[in-house]
Protein backbone atom coordinates (compact mmCIF):
# COMPACT_ATOMS: atom_id res chain seq x y z
CA MET A 1 183.16 217.23 59.37
CA PRO A 2 183.01 216.13 63.03
CA VAL A 3 180.45 217.73 65.33
CA GLN A 4 181.76 219.31 68.48
CA SER A 5 179.77 219.40 71.64
CA VAL A 6 179.52 222.67 73.51
CA PRO A 7 180.33 222.56 77.22
CA LEU A 8 177.17 223.15 79.24
CA ARG A 9 178.64 226.27 80.87
CA ASP A 10 179.03 227.82 77.38
CA ALA A 11 175.50 226.94 76.26
CA SER A 12 172.63 229.42 76.16
CA ILE A 13 170.58 230.04 79.29
CA GLN A 14 167.55 228.38 77.70
CA TYR A 15 169.53 225.25 76.96
CA ARG A 16 170.96 225.14 80.48
CA LEU A 17 167.50 225.60 82.02
CA LEU A 18 166.09 222.83 79.84
CA HIS A 19 169.00 220.57 80.70
CA GLN A 20 168.51 221.24 84.41
CA TYR A 21 164.77 220.67 84.16
CA LEU A 22 165.26 217.32 82.40
CA PHE A 23 167.82 216.30 85.01
CA LEU A 24 165.45 217.16 87.85
CA LEU A 25 162.53 215.52 86.07
CA LYS A 26 164.47 212.28 85.87
CA LYS A 27 165.87 212.42 89.41
CA TYR A 28 162.81 213.87 91.23
CA PRO A 29 159.80 213.43 88.92
CA ILE A 30 156.97 214.15 91.36
CA LEU A 31 158.69 217.08 93.06
CA THR A 32 159.70 218.61 89.71
CA LYS A 33 156.19 218.27 88.29
CA SER A 34 154.70 219.65 91.51
CA VAL A 35 156.94 222.72 91.64
CA THR A 36 156.37 223.37 87.93
CA SER A 37 152.61 223.05 88.48
CA GLY A 38 152.74 225.46 91.40
CA ILE A 39 154.68 228.08 89.47
CA LEU A 40 152.54 227.86 86.33
CA SER A 41 149.29 227.84 88.34
CA ALA A 42 150.33 231.03 90.12
CA LEU A 43 151.31 232.60 86.81
CA GLY A 44 147.89 231.67 85.39
CA ASN A 45 146.20 233.45 88.26
CA LEU A 46 148.43 236.50 87.84
CA LEU A 47 147.64 236.52 84.12
CA SER A 48 143.94 236.54 84.98
CA GLN A 49 144.40 239.46 87.36
CA ILE A 50 146.43 241.46 84.83
CA LEU A 51 143.87 240.88 82.06
CA GLU A 52 141.03 241.84 84.38
CA ALA A 53 142.86 245.02 85.46
CA ARG A 54 143.46 246.00 81.83
CA LYS A 55 139.82 245.44 80.99
CA LYS A 56 138.75 247.63 83.90
CA SER A 57 141.23 250.37 83.02
CA LYS A 58 139.85 250.55 79.46
CA SER A 59 136.37 251.10 80.84
CA ASN A 60 137.69 253.69 83.32
CA ALA A 61 136.71 251.52 86.27
CA SER A 62 139.08 251.53 89.19
CA GLY A 63 141.05 248.29 89.23
CA LYS A 64 142.36 246.71 92.37
CA GLU A 65 146.00 245.84 92.87
CA ILE A 66 147.43 242.40 92.28
CA ASP A 67 146.10 239.90 94.82
CA ALA A 68 149.24 238.08 95.94
CA ALA A 69 147.16 235.81 98.19
CA GLY A 70 145.15 234.65 95.17
CA ALA A 71 148.33 233.77 93.29
CA ALA A 72 149.62 231.99 96.40
CA ARG A 73 146.43 229.90 96.61
CA PHE A 74 146.88 228.82 93.00
CA ALA A 75 150.55 228.04 93.68
CA ILE A 76 149.57 225.87 96.65
CA TYR A 77 146.94 224.09 94.59
CA GLY A 78 149.42 223.42 91.78
CA LEU A 79 152.16 222.29 94.14
CA PHE A 80 150.11 219.97 96.34
CA ILE A 81 147.26 218.87 94.06
CA THR A 82 147.85 219.38 90.33
CA GLY A 83 151.44 218.13 90.18
CA PRO A 84 151.16 214.94 92.22
CA VAL A 85 147.61 213.98 91.18
CA SER A 86 148.33 214.49 87.48
CA HIS A 87 151.59 212.53 87.76
CA TYR A 88 149.86 209.50 89.24
CA PHE A 89 146.86 209.78 86.94
CA TYR A 90 149.01 209.64 83.80
CA GLN A 91 151.13 206.82 85.22
CA LEU A 92 148.04 204.77 86.09
CA MET A 93 146.49 205.47 82.71
CA GLU A 94 149.59 203.97 81.07
CA MET A 95 149.21 200.82 83.17
CA TRP A 96 145.42 200.48 82.81
CA MET A 97 145.25 201.35 79.12
CA PRO A 98 148.46 200.36 77.35
CA THR A 99 148.99 201.37 73.76
CA THR A 100 148.66 197.68 72.80
CA ASP A 101 144.91 197.97 73.42
CA GLN A 102 143.30 198.80 70.08
CA TYR A 103 140.77 201.12 71.73
CA CYS A 104 143.22 202.84 74.08
CA VAL A 105 142.92 206.20 72.28
CA ILE A 106 139.17 206.34 72.90
CA LYS A 107 139.32 204.79 76.39
CA ARG A 108 141.99 207.23 77.57
CA LEU A 109 140.11 210.24 76.29
CA LEU A 110 136.83 209.07 77.84
CA LEU A 111 138.50 208.35 81.18
CA ASP A 112 140.13 211.76 81.19
CA ARG A 113 137.12 213.76 80.03
CA LEU A 114 134.26 211.94 81.81
CA VAL A 115 135.91 210.84 85.07
CA PHE A 116 139.09 212.78 85.75
CA ALA A 117 138.02 216.24 84.52
CA PRO A 118 134.76 216.48 86.54
CA GLY A 119 136.42 215.14 89.69
CA PHE A 120 139.52 217.30 89.33
CA LEU A 121 137.41 220.42 88.76
CA MET A 122 135.36 219.60 91.87
CA ILE A 123 138.59 219.21 93.86
CA PHE A 124 139.71 222.60 92.53
CA TYR A 125 136.53 224.25 93.79
CA LEU A 126 136.80 222.51 97.16
CA VAL A 127 140.47 223.29 97.75
CA MET A 128 140.10 226.92 96.68
CA ASN A 129 137.12 227.25 99.01
CA ILE A 130 139.22 225.89 101.88
CA LEU A 131 142.21 228.09 101.04
CA GLU A 132 139.92 231.13 100.92
CA ALA A 133 138.62 230.13 104.38
CA LYS A 134 135.02 230.06 103.18
CA GLY A 135 132.27 227.82 104.46
CA ALA A 136 130.15 225.04 103.04
CA ASP A 137 127.36 227.41 102.00
CA ASP A 138 129.74 229.42 99.83
CA PHE A 139 131.10 226.20 98.31
CA LYS A 140 127.60 225.00 97.43
CA LYS A 141 126.74 228.39 95.97
CA LYS A 142 129.85 228.44 93.74
CA ILE A 143 129.16 224.88 92.59
CA ARG A 144 125.57 225.79 91.74
CA GLU A 145 126.50 229.01 89.98
CA SER A 146 129.62 228.13 88.01
CA TYR A 147 130.68 224.44 88.17
CA TRP A 148 128.58 223.27 85.22
CA THR A 149 129.64 226.26 83.11
CA ALA A 150 133.31 225.65 83.96
CA LEU A 151 133.00 221.90 83.25
CA LYS A 152 131.44 222.51 79.83
CA MET A 153 134.20 225.00 79.04
CA ASN A 154 136.73 222.43 80.27
CA TRP A 155 135.36 219.87 77.83
CA LYS A 156 135.47 222.39 74.97
CA VAL A 157 138.95 223.73 75.67
CA TRP A 158 140.79 220.71 77.06
CA THR A 159 139.48 217.85 74.90
CA PRO A 160 141.69 218.46 71.83
CA PHE A 161 144.74 219.20 74.00
CA GLN A 162 144.19 216.16 76.18
CA PHE A 163 143.70 213.98 73.11
CA ILE A 164 147.19 215.03 72.00
CA ASN A 165 148.62 214.85 75.51
CA ILE A 166 147.46 211.38 76.50
CA ASN A 167 148.09 209.77 73.15
CA PHE A 168 151.19 211.44 71.70
CA VAL A 169 153.16 213.18 74.46
CA PRO A 170 155.62 210.94 76.35
CA VAL A 171 154.27 210.19 79.83
CA GLU A 172 157.08 212.03 81.63
CA PHE A 173 156.15 215.27 79.83
CA ARG A 174 152.35 215.08 80.13
CA VAL A 175 152.12 217.11 83.32
CA LEU A 176 154.31 219.82 81.79
CA PHE A 177 152.25 219.86 78.58
CA ALA A 178 149.02 220.11 80.59
CA ASN A 179 150.58 222.83 82.78
CA MET A 180 151.33 224.95 79.74
CA ILE A 181 147.66 224.75 78.69
CA ALA A 182 146.59 225.21 82.32
CA LEU A 183 148.45 228.50 82.47
CA PHE A 184 145.58 229.95 80.43
CA TRP A 185 142.92 227.65 81.88
CA TYR A 186 143.62 228.86 85.43
CA ALA A 187 143.32 232.42 84.19
CA TYR A 188 139.82 231.48 82.97
CA LEU A 189 138.92 229.64 86.21
CA ALA A 190 140.07 232.53 88.37
CA THR A 191 137.68 234.75 86.43
CA VAL A 192 134.67 232.39 86.35
CA ARG A 193 134.81 231.57 90.08
CA LYS A 194 134.33 235.24 91.10
């Protein structure tokens, strides 16, 4: 029995969105990854705010309204930092550590966990500090109080996901895969930085 293809206009909305995303990813890879990162980063921050408000409402504490500026800061960070930096990092990793290298699995994971993760987390703290219009003293205080805790949590949470991401996910989908995990990670970071 021959298989018939369904015209795209008759396909489900999910299929059309996926098709459009793949088209944009191929035609505009950095822009697509950046916009996706911005959207998912903002959603992660909003998730954090919603969870925090629910927790406060259960304890009868007055919760504040959604901080749109906080979500906007995360969107800016995702758009201008996470998307482009992650794109180039994964591309360079492919060039520096090809799969033909017998130790590439270990080398990639060590590069990601011991070099990229600490630096990227530091950039997160710095950019958020700038976007919040806070000074150097506040930045130093936040680094002293929560950077090490956040980095250890990063190693615990991200290591298994990054092992899968950098070794098994096709390079063009790595930023998206990481963004899906980051949706929840940014919710954690938004909470720990307070």
